[in-house]
Amino acid sequence: LRRAANYSRISIGGRRGLRTTLTNRSEVSGQPETIE
């Protein structure tokens, strides 16, 4: 599991939040997966 992007500011339910993209290798398939 690795962070693949910088943080961006977002709103969650009207509150300040952060979003980032992560990459990982699936425990299930062994294939790359992308996570937000």
PDB file of all heavy atoms in Angstrom:
ATOM      1  N   LEU A   1       0.839  -1.204   0.000  1.00  0.00           N
ATOM      2  CA  LEU A   1       0.000   0.000   0.000  1.00  0.00           C
ATOM      3  C   LEU A   1       0.871   1.250   0.000  1.00  0.00           C
ATOM      4  O   LEU A   1       1.746   1.403   0.851  1.00  0.00           O
ATOM      5  CB  LEU A   1      -0.910   0.001   1.233  1.00  0.00           C
ATOM      6  CG  LEU A   1      -1.941   1.119   1.309  1.00  0.00           C
ATOM      7  CD1 LEU A   1      -3.009   0.933   0.236  1.00  0.00           C
ATOM      8  CD2 LEU A   1      -2.593   1.137   2.683  1.00  0.00           C
ATOM      9  N   ARG A   2       0.639   2.128  -0.956  1.00  0.00           N
ATOM     10  CA  ARG A   2       1.424   3.368  -1.097  1.00  0.00           C
ATOM     11  C   ARG A   2       0.510   4.526  -1.453  1.00  0.00           C
ATOM     12  O   ARG A   2      -0.442   4.360  -2.210  1.00  0.00           O
ATOM     13  CB  ARG A   2       2.427   3.251  -2.254  1.00  0.00           C
ATOM     14  CG  ARG A   2       3.381   2.093  -2.183  1.00  0.00           C
ATOM     15  CD  ARG A   2       4.670   2.481  -1.485  1.00  0.00           C
ATOM     16  NE  ARG A   2       5.619   1.398  -1.463  1.00  0.00           N
ATOM     17  CZ  ARG A   2       5.635   0.406  -0.590  1.00  0.00           C
ATOM     18  NH1 ARG A   2       4.724   0.338   0.350  1.00  0.00           N
ATOM     19  NH2 ARG A   2       6.554  -0.532  -0.630  1.00  0.00           N
ATOM     20  N   ARG A   3       0.860   5.701  -0.945  1.00  0.00           N
ATOM     21  CA  ARG A   3       0.149   6.913  -1.376  1.00  0.00           C
ATOM     22  C   ARG A   3       0.714   7.307  -2.732  1.00  0.00           C
ATOM     23  O   ARG A   3       1.916   7.435  -2.902  1.00  0.00           O
ATOM     24  CB  ARG A   3       0.333   8.032  -0.353  1.00  0.00           C
ATOM     25  CG  ARG A   3      -0.564   9.213  -0.627  1.00  0.00           C
ATOM     26  CD  ARG A   3      -0.848  10.025   0.625  1.00  0.00           C
ATOM     27  NE  ARG A   3       0.322  10.597   1.246  1.00  0.00           N
ATOM     28  CZ  ARG A   3       0.834  11.779   0.941  1.00  0.00           C
ATOM     29  NH1 ARG A   3       0.293  12.524  -0.004  1.00  0.00           N
ATOM     30  NH2 ARG A   3       1.900  12.230   1.568  1.00  0.00           N
ATOM     31  N   ALA A   4      -0.180   7.490  -3.716  1.00  0.00           N
ATOM     32  CA  ALA A   4       0.263   7.736  -5.095  1.00  0.00           C
ATOM     33  C   ALA A   4      -0.009   9.167  -5.547  1.00  0.00           C
ATOM     34  O   ALA A   4       0.281   9.516  -6.683  1.00  0.00           O
ATOM     35  CB  ALA A   4      -0.451   6.765  -6.035  1.00  0.00           C
ATOM     36  N   ALA A   5      -0.589   9.980  -4.671  1.00  0.00           N
ATOM     37  CA  ALA A   5      -0.913  11.355  -5.052  1.00  0.00           C
ATOM     38  C   ALA A   5      -0.858  12.241  -3.826  1.00  0.00           C
ATOM     39  O   ALA A   5      -0.938  11.764  -2.696  1.00  0.00           O
ATOM     40  CB  ALA A   5      -2.311  11.415  -5.675  1.00  0.00           C
ATOM     41  N   ASN A   6      -0.734  13.545  -4.055  1.00  0.00           N
ATOM     42  CA  ASN A   6      -0.810  14.499  -2.966  1.00  0.00           C
ATOM     43  C   ASN A   6      -2.246  14.562  -2.458  1.00  0.00           C
ATOM     44  O   ASN A   6      -3.167  14.070  -3.102  1.00  0.00           O
ATOM     45  CB  ASN A   6      -0.369  15.883  -3.443  1.00  0.00           C
ATOM     46  CG  ASN A   6       1.121  15.935  -3.701  1.00  0.00           C
ATOM     47  OD1 ASN A   6       1.900  15.253  -3.043  1.00  0.00           O
ATOM     48  ND2 ASN A   6       1.515  16.741  -4.676  1.00  0.00           N
ATOM     49  N   TYR A   7      -2.431  15.204  -1.325  1.00  0.00           N
ATOM     50  CA  TYR A   7      -3.775  15.405  -0.798  1.00  0.00           C
ATOM     51  C   TYR A   7      -4.450  16.536  -1.551  1.00  0.00           C
ATOM     52  O   TYR A   7      -3.815  17.523  -1.911  1.00  0.00           O
ATOM     53  CB  TYR A   7      -3.716  15.767   0.689  1.00  0.00           C
ATOM     54  CG  TYR A   7      -3.320  14.605   1.571  1.00  0.00           C
ATOM     55  CD1 TYR A   7      -2.091  14.580   2.210  1.00  0.00           C
ATOM     56  CD2 TYR A   7      -4.190  13.547   1.767  1.00  0.00           C
ATOM     57  CE1 TYR A   7      -1.732  13.517   3.029  1.00  0.00           C
ATOM     58  CE2 TYR A   7      -3.841  12.475   2.574  1.00  0.00           C
ATOM     59  CZ  TYR A   7      -2.609  12.471   3.203  1.00  0.00           C
ATOM     60  OH  TYR A   7      -2.266  11.421   3.999  1.00  0.00           O
ATOM     61  N   SER A   8      -5.753  16.387  -1.767  1.00  0.00           N
ATOM     62  CA  SER A   8      -6.550  17.508  -2.278  1.00  0.00           C
ATOM     63  C   SER A   8      -7.648  17.782  -1.262  1.00  0.00           C
ATOM     64  O   SER A   8      -8.088  16.886  -0.531  1.00  0.00           O
ATOM     65  CB  SER A   8      -7.128  17.189  -3.661  1.00  0.00           C
ATOM     66  OG  SER A   8      -7.905  16.011  -3.614  1.00  0.00           O
ATOM     67  N   ARG A   9      -8.050  19.045  -1.196  1.00  0.00           N
ATOM     68  CA  ARG A   9      -9.097  19.436  -0.252  1.00  0.00           C
ATOM     69  C   ARG A   9     -10.463  19.135  -0.856  1.00  0.00           C
ATOM     70  O   ARG A   9     -10.697  19.431  -2.026  1.00  0.00           O
ATOM     71  CB  ARG A   9      -8.982  20.921   0.072  1.00  0.00           C
ATOM     72  CG  ARG A   9      -7.695  21.251   0.780  1.00  0.00           C
ATOM     73  CD  ARG A   9      -7.670  22.710   1.232  1.00  0.00           C
ATOM     74  NE  ARG A   9      -6.379  23.078   1.755  1.00  0.00           N
ATOM     75  CZ  ARG A   9      -5.910  22.704   2.947  1.00  0.00           C
ATOM     76  NH1 ARG A   9      -6.640  21.971   3.732  1.00  0.00           N
ATOM     77  NH2 ARG A   9      -4.710  23.077   3.342  1.00  0.00           N
ATOM     78  N   ILE A  10     -11.332  18.541  -0.037  1.00  0.00           N
ATOM     79  CA  ILE A  10     -12.690  18.238  -0.477  1.00  0.00           C
ATOM     80  C   ILE A  10     -13.644  18.580   0.659  1.00  0.00           C
ATOM     81  O   ILE A  10     -13.213  18.964   1.747  1.00  0.00           O
ATOM     82  CB  ILE A  10     -12.855  16.752  -0.858  1.00  0.00           C
ATOM     83  CG1 ILE A  10     -12.556  15.842   0.348  1.00  0.00           C
ATOM     84  CG2 ILE A  10     -11.994  16.378  -2.056  1.00  0.00           C
ATOM     85  CD1 ILE A  10     -13.042  14.426   0.184  1.00  0.00           C
ATOM     86  N   SER A  11     -14.929  18.395   0.396  1.00  0.00           N
ATOM     87  CA  SER A  11     -15.953  18.556   1.418  1.00  0.00           C
ATOM     88  C   SER A  11     -16.643  17.208   1.594  1.00  0.00           C
ATOM     89  O   SER A  11     -16.998  16.556   0.615  1.00  0.00           O
ATOM     90  CB  SER A  11     -16.955  19.620   0.968  1.00  0.00           C
ATOM     91  OG  SER A  11     -17.999  19.718   1.893  1.00  0.00           O
ATOM     92  N   ILE A  12     -16.797  16.779   2.834  1.00  0.00           N
ATOM     93  CA  ILE A  12     -17.542  15.560   3.156  1.00  0.00           C
ATOM     94  C   ILE A  12     -18.673  15.960   4.085  1.00  0.00           C
ATOM     95  O   ILE A  12     -18.424  16.397   5.205  1.00  0.00           O
ATOM     96  CB  ILE A  12     -16.651  14.500   3.833  1.00  0.00           C
ATOM     97  CG1 ILE A  12     -15.480  14.111   2.932  1.00  0.00           C
ATOM     98  CG2 ILE A  12     -17.473  13.270   4.213  1.00  0.00           C
ATOM     99  CD1 ILE A  12     -14.500  13.142   3.567  1.00  0.00           C
ATOM    100  N   GLY A  13     -19.887  15.830   3.611  1.00  0.00           N
ATOM    101  CA  GLY A  13     -21.033  16.215   4.438  1.00  0.00           C
ATOM    102  C   GLY A  13     -20.966  17.656   4.894  1.00  0.00           C
ATOM    103  O   GLY A  13     -21.381  17.972   5.998  1.00  0.00           O
ATOM    104  N   GLY A  14     -20.410  18.538   4.054  1.00  0.00           N
ATOM    105  CA  GLY A  14     -20.314  19.949   4.393  1.00  0.00           C
ATOM    106  C   GLY A  14     -19.138  20.308   5.278  1.00  0.00           C
ATOM    107  O   GLY A  14     -19.016  21.439   5.719  1.00  0.00           O
ATOM    108  N   ARG A  15     -18.266  19.337   5.549  1.00  0.00           N
ATOM    109  CA  ARG A  15     -17.091  19.591   6.392  1.00  0.00           C
ATOM    110  C   ARG A  15     -15.818  19.500   5.562  1.00  0.00           C
ATOM    111  O   ARG A  15     -15.765  18.772   4.580  1.00  0.00           O
ATOM    112  CB  ARG A  15     -16.996  18.549   7.501  1.00  0.00           C
ATOM    113  CG  ARG A  15     -18.197  18.571   8.398  1.00  0.00           C
ATOM    114  CD  ARG A  15     -18.074  17.496   9.414  1.00  0.00           C
ATOM    115  NE  ARG A  15     -19.367  17.311  10.055  1.00  0.00           N
ATOM    116  CZ  ARG A  15     -19.540  16.750  11.219  1.00  0.00           C
ATOM    117  NH1 ARG A  15     -18.507  16.306  11.889  1.00  0.00           N
ATOM    118  NH2 ARG A  15     -20.736  16.617  11.733  1.00  0.00           N
ATOM    119  N   ARG A  16     -14.787  20.189   6.038  1.00  0.00           N
ATOM    120  CA  ARG A  16     -13.510  20.129   5.322  1.00  0.00           C
ATOM    121  C   ARG A  16     -12.957  18.722   5.413  1.00  0.00           C
ATOM    122  O   ARG A  16     -13.064  18.042   6.446  1.00  0.00           O
ATOM    123  CB  ARG A  16     -12.521  21.140   5.891  1.00  0.00           C
ATOM    124  CG  ARG A  16     -12.089  20.835   7.299  1.00  0.00           C
ATOM    125  CD  ARG A  16     -11.163  21.899   7.881  1.00  0.00           C
ATOM    126  NE  ARG A  16     -10.868  21.579   9.262  1.00  0.00           N
ATOM    127  CZ  ARG A  16      -9.886  20.783   9.650  1.00  0.00           C
ATOM    128  NH1 ARG A  16      -9.104  20.213   8.754  1.00  0.00           N
ATOM    129  NH2 ARG A  16      -9.681  20.526  10.929  1.00  0.00           N
ATOM    130  N   GLY A  17     -12.384  18.284   4.310  1.00  0.00           N
ATOM    131  CA  GLY A  17     -11.811  16.950   4.285  1.00  0.00           C
ATOM    132  C   GLY A  17     -10.625  16.895   3.346  1.00  0.00           C
ATOM    133  O   GLY A  17     -10.279  17.887   2.689  1.00  0.00           O
ATOM    134  N   LEU A  18     -10.007  15.732   3.309  1.00  0.00           N
ATOM    135  CA  LEU A  18      -8.885  15.481   2.410  1.00  0.00           C
ATOM    136  C   LEU A  18      -9.182  14.241   1.582  1.00  0.00           C
ATOM    137  O   LEU A  18      -9.868  13.316   2.048  1.00  0.00           O
ATOM    138  CB  LEU A  18      -7.594  15.238   3.197  1.00  0.00           C
ATOM    139  CG  LEU A  18      -7.001  16.411   3.956  1.00  0.00           C
ATOM    140  CD1 LEU A  18      -5.775  15.945   4.748  1.00  0.00           C
ATOM    141  CD2 LEU A  18      -6.626  17.538   3.003  1.00  0.00           C
ATOM    142  N   ARG A  19      -8.625  14.217   0.371  1.00  0.00           N
ATOM    143  CA  ARG A  19      -8.713  13.037  -0.480  1.00  0.00           C
ATOM    144  C   ARG A  19      -7.333  12.746  -1.044  1.00  0.00           C
ATOM    145  O   ARG A  19      -6.589  13.671  -1.372  1.00  0.00           O
ATOM    146  CB  ARG A  19      -9.689  13.266  -1.629  1.00  0.00           C
ATOM    147  CG  ARG A  19      -9.684  12.098  -2.629  1.00  0.00           C
ATOM    148  CD  ARG A  19     -10.610  12.338  -3.788  1.00  0.00           C
ATOM    149  NE  ARG A  19     -11.961  12.259  -3.315  1.00  0.00           N
ATOM    150  CZ  ARG A  19     -12.979  12.933  -3.851  1.00  0.00           C
ATOM    151  NH1 ARG A  19     -12.780  13.740  -4.873  1.00  0.00           N
ATOM    152  NH2 ARG A  19     -14.195  12.809  -3.378  1.00  0.00           N
ATOM    153  N   THR A  20      -7.003  11.467  -1.142  1.00  0.00           N
ATOM    154  CA  THR A  20      -5.769  11.063  -1.800  1.00  0.00           C
ATOM    155  C   THR A  20      -5.996   9.732  -2.496  1.00  0.00           C
ATOM    156  O   THR A  20      -6.967   9.018  -2.215  1.00  0.00           O
ATOM    157  CB  THR A  20      -4.582  10.969  -0.813  1.00  0.00           C
ATOM    158  OG1 THR A  20      -3.377  10.832  -1.558  1.00  0.00           O
ATOM    159  CG2 THR A  20      -4.727   9.822   0.154  1.00  0.00           C
ATOM    160  N   THR A  21      -5.095   9.412  -3.397  1.00  0.00           N
ATOM    161  CA  THR A  21      -5.150   8.140  -4.118  1.00  0.00           C
ATOM    162  C   THR A  21      -4.024   7.243  -3.622  1.00  0.00           C
ATOM    163  O   THR A  21      -2.894   7.700  -3.418  1.00  0.00           O
ATOM    164  CB  THR A  21      -5.004   8.375  -5.637  1.00  0.00           C
ATOM    165  OG1 THR A  21      -6.053   9.255  -6.048  1.00  0.00           O
ATOM    166  CG2 THR A  21      -5.107   7.078  -6.409  1.00  0.00           C
ATOM    167  N   LEU A  22      -4.347   5.983  -3.415  1.00  0.00           N
ATOM    168  CA  LEU A  22      -3.387   4.984  -2.969  1.00  0.00           C
ATOM    169  C   LEU A  22      -3.315   3.877  -4.017  1.00  0.00           C
ATOM    170  O   LEU A  22      -4.264   3.662  -4.766  1.00  0.00           O
ATOM    171  CB  LEU A  22      -3.828   4.363  -1.635  1.00  0.00           C
ATOM    172  CG  LEU A  22      -4.209   5.315  -0.511  1.00  0.00           C
ATOM    173  CD1 LEU A  22      -4.851   4.551   0.639  1.00  0.00           C
ATOM    174  CD2 LEU A  22      -2.994   6.071  -0.023  1.00  0.00           C
ATOM    175  N   THR A  23      -2.193   3.183  -4.032  1.00  0.00           N
ATOM    176  CA  THR A  23      -2.084   1.985  -4.855  1.00  0.00           C
ATOM    177  C   THR A  23      -1.764   0.816  -3.937  1.00  0.00           C
ATOM    178  O   THR A  23      -1.197   0.991  -2.858  1.00  0.00           O
ATOM    179  CB  THR A  23      -0.977   2.120  -5.923  1.00  0.00           C
ATOM    180  OG1 THR A  23       0.266   2.386  -5.271  1.00  0.00           O
ATOM    181  CG2 THR A  23      -1.294   3.240  -6.904  1.00  0.00           C
ATOM    182  N   ASN A  24      -2.147  -0.375  -4.388  1.00  0.00           N
ATOM    183  CA  ASN A  24      -1.935  -1.568  -3.588  1.00  0.00           C
ATOM    184  C   ASN A  24      -1.902  -2.773  -4.522  1.00  0.00           C
ATOM    185  O   ASN A  24      -2.275  -2.664  -5.689  1.00  0.00           O
ATOM    186  CB  ASN A  24      -3.062  -1.720  -2.560  1.00  0.00           C
ATOM    187  CG  ASN A  24      -2.752  -2.754  -1.490  1.00  0.00           C
ATOM    188  OD1 ASN A  24      -1.598  -3.020  -1.170  1.00  0.00           O
ATOM    189  ND2 ASN A  24      -3.795  -3.338  -0.927  1.00  0.00           N
ATOM    190  N   ARG A  25      -1.487  -3.898  -3.995  1.00  0.00           N
ATOM    191  CA  ARG A  25      -1.611  -5.169  -4.712  1.00  0.00           C
ATOM    192  C   ARG A  25      -2.667  -5.959  -3.961  1.00  0.00           C
ATOM    193  O   ARG A  25      -2.571  -6.156  -2.756  1.00  0.00           O
ATOM    194  CB  ARG A  25      -0.273  -5.913  -4.727  1.00  0.00           C
ATOM    195  CG  ARG A  25      -0.318  -7.194  -5.519  1.00  0.00           C
ATOM    196  CD  ARG A  25       1.059  -7.678  -5.929  1.00  0.00           C
ATOM    197  NE  ARG A  25       1.825  -6.675  -6.670  1.00  0.00           N
ATOM    198  CZ  ARG A  25       1.654  -6.376  -7.963  1.00  0.00           C
ATOM    199  NH1 ARG A  25       0.734  -6.982  -8.656  1.00  0.00           N
ATOM    200  NH2 ARG A  25       2.409  -5.468  -8.545  1.00  0.00           N
ATOM    201  N   SER A  26      -3.708  -6.374  -4.666  1.00  0.00           N
ATOM    202  CA  SER A  26      -4.834  -7.066  -4.048  1.00  0.00           C
ATOM    203  C   SER A  26      -4.389  -8.369  -3.392  1.00  0.00           C
ATOM    204  O   SER A  26      -3.682  -9.174  -4.003  1.00  0.00           O
ATOM    205  CB  SER A  26      -5.892  -7.358  -5.109  1.00  0.00           C
ATOM    206  OG  SER A  26      -6.867  -8.229  -4.590  1.00  0.00           O
ATOM    207  N   GLU A  27      -4.830  -8.585  -2.129  1.00  0.00           N
ATOM    208  CA  GLU A  27      -4.553  -9.854  -1.443  1.00  0.00           C
ATOM    209  C   GLU A  27      -5.283 -10.991  -2.129  1.00  0.00           C
ATOM    210  O   GLU A  27      -4.931 -12.152  -1.991  1.00  0.00           O
ATOM    211  CB  GLU A  27      -5.035  -9.832   0.026  1.00  0.00           C
ATOM    212  CG  GLU A  27      -4.676  -8.623   0.821  1.00  0.00           C
ATOM    213  CD  GLU A  27      -5.816  -7.612   0.852  1.00  0.00           C
ATOM    214  OE1 GLU A  27      -6.363  -7.278  -0.230  1.00  0.00           O
ATOM    215  OE2 GLU A  27      -6.145  -7.113   1.922  1.00  0.00           O
ATOM    216  N   VAL A  28      -6.350 -10.657  -2.853  1.00  0.00           N
ATOM    217  CA  VAL A  28      -7.209 -11.661  -3.468  1.00  0.00           C
ATOM    218  C   VAL A  28      -6.654 -12.115  -4.807  1.00  0.00           C
ATOM    219  O   VAL A  28      -6.412 -13.296  -5.040  1.00  0.00           O
ATOM    220  CB  VAL A  28      -8.631 -11.102  -3.668  1.00  0.00           C
ATOM    221  CG1 VAL A  28      -9.526 -12.123  -4.344  1.00  0.00           C
ATOM    222  CG2 VAL A  28      -9.216 -10.664  -2.340  1.00  0.00           C
ATOM    223  N   SER A  29      -6.422 -11.144  -5.701  1.00  0.00           N
ATOM    224  CA  SER A  29      -6.046 -11.479  -7.078  1.00  0.00           C
ATOM    225  C   SER A  29      -4.552 -11.345  -7.347  1.00  0.00           C
ATOM    226  O   SER A  29      -4.057 -11.855  -8.349  1.00  0.00           O
ATOM    227  CB  SER A  29      -6.798 -10.563  -8.048  1.00  0.00           C
ATOM    228  OG  SER A  29      -6.335  -9.224  -7.888  1.00  0.00           O
ATOM    229  N   GLY A  30      -3.835 -10.639  -6.467  1.00  0.00           N
ATOM    230  CA  GLY A  30      -2.432 -10.363  -6.720  1.00  0.00           C
ATOM    231  C   GLY A  30      -2.222  -9.259  -7.744  1.00  0.00           C
ATOM    232  O   GLY A  30      -1.097  -8.911  -8.079  1.00  0.00           O
ATOM    233  N   GLN A  31      -3.324  -8.683  -8.237  1.00  0.00           N
ATOM    234  CA  GLN A  31      -3.260  -7.638  -9.264  1.00  0.00           C
ATOM    235  C   GLN A  31      -3.224  -6.253  -8.616  1.00  0.00           C
ATOM    236  O   GLN A  31      -3.684  -6.061  -7.487  1.00  0.00           O
ATOM    237  CB  GLN A  31      -4.479  -7.734 -10.188  1.00  0.00           C
ATOM    238  CG  GLN A  31      -4.543  -9.044 -10.959  1.00  0.00           C
ATOM    239  CD  GLN A  31      -3.316  -9.252 -11.809  1.00  0.00           C
ATOM    240  OE1 GLN A  31      -2.920  -8.397 -12.588  1.00  0.00           O
ATOM    241  NE2 GLN A  31      -2.667 -10.403 -11.632  1.00  0.00           N
ATOM    242  N   PRO A  32      -2.723  -5.241  -9.349  1.00  0.00           N
ATOM    243  CA  PRO A  32      -2.717  -3.876  -8.813  1.00  0.00           C
ATOM    244  C   PRO A  32      -4.139  -3.359  -8.608  1.00  0.00           C
ATOM    245  O   PRO A  32      -5.038  -3.668  -9.401  1.00  0.00           O
ATOM    246  CB  PRO A  32      -2.008  -3.058  -9.900  1.00  0.00           C
ATOM    247  CG  PRO A  32      -1.394  -4.032 -10.831  1.00  0.00           C
ATOM    248  CD  PRO A  32      -2.110  -5.326 -10.670  1.00  0.00           C
ATOM    249  N   GLU A  33      -4.322  -2.600  -7.532  1.00  0.00           N
ATOM    250  CA  GLU A  33      -5.609  -1.943  -7.312  1.00  0.00           C
ATOM    251  C   GLU A  33      -5.374  -0.484  -6.968  1.00  0.00           C
ATOM    252  O   GLU A  33      -4.316  -0.108  -6.475  1.00  0.00           O
ATOM    253  CB  GLU A  33      -6.426  -2.651  -6.227  1.00  0.00           C
ATOM    254  CG  GLU A  33      -5.802  -2.691  -4.865  1.00  0.00           C
ATOM    255  CD  GLU A  33      -6.595  -3.512  -3.848  1.00  0.00           C
ATOM    256  OE1 GLU A  33      -7.689  -4.019  -4.175  1.00  0.00           O
ATOM    257  OE2 GLU A  33      -6.116  -3.636  -2.718  1.00  0.00           O
ATOM    258  N   THR A  34      -6.368   0.327  -7.289  1.00  0.00           N
ATOM    259  CA  THR A  34      -6.324   1.754  -6.992  1.00  0.00           C
ATOM    260  C   THR A  34      -7.387   2.043  -5.951  1.00  0.00           C
ATOM    261  O   THR A  34      -8.509   1.527  -6.027  1.00  0.00           O
ATOM    262  CB  THR A  34      -6.567   2.581  -8.273  1.00  0.00           C
ATOM    263  OG1 THR A  34      -5.534   2.256  -9.218  1.00  0.00           O
ATOM    264  CG2 THR A  34      -6.529   4.067  -7.980  1.00  0.00           C
ATOM    265  N   ILE A  35      -7.023   2.857  -4.987  1.00  0.00           N
ATOM    266  CA  ILE A  35      -7.893   3.160  -3.848  1.00  0.00           C
ATOM    267  C   ILE A  35      -7.958   4.664  -3.688  1.00  0.00           C
ATOM    268  O   ILE A  35      -6.937   5.344  -3.756  1.00  0.00           O
ATOM    269  CB  ILE A  35      -7.317   2.521  -2.562  1.00  0.00           C
ATOM    270  CG1 ILE A  35      -7.225   1.004  -2.727  1.00  0.00           C
ATOM    271  CG2 ILE A  35      -8.124   2.916  -1.335  1.00  0.00           C
ATOM    272  CD1 ILE A  35      -6.313   0.330  -1.740  1.00  0.00           C
ATOM    273  N   GLU A  36      -9.158   5.169  -3.461  1.00  0.00           N
ATOM    274  CA  GLU A  36      -9.304   6.585  -3.155  1.00  0.00           C
ATOM    275  C   GLU A  36      -9.733   6.689  -1.703  1.00  0.00           C
ATOM    276  O   GLU A  36     -10.684   6.021  -1.289  1.00  0.00           O
ATOM    277  CB  GLU A  36     -10.350   7.197  -4.082  1.00  0.00           C
ATOM    278  CG  GLU A  36     -10.105   8.646  -4.325  1.00  0.00           C
ATOM    279  CD  GLU A  36     -10.908   9.140  -5.510  1.00  0.00           C
ATOM    280  OE1 GLU A  36     -12.133   9.208  -5.401  1.00  0.00           O
ATOM    281  OE2 GLU A  36     -10.281   9.436  -6.532  1.00  0.00           O
TER     282      GLU A  36
END
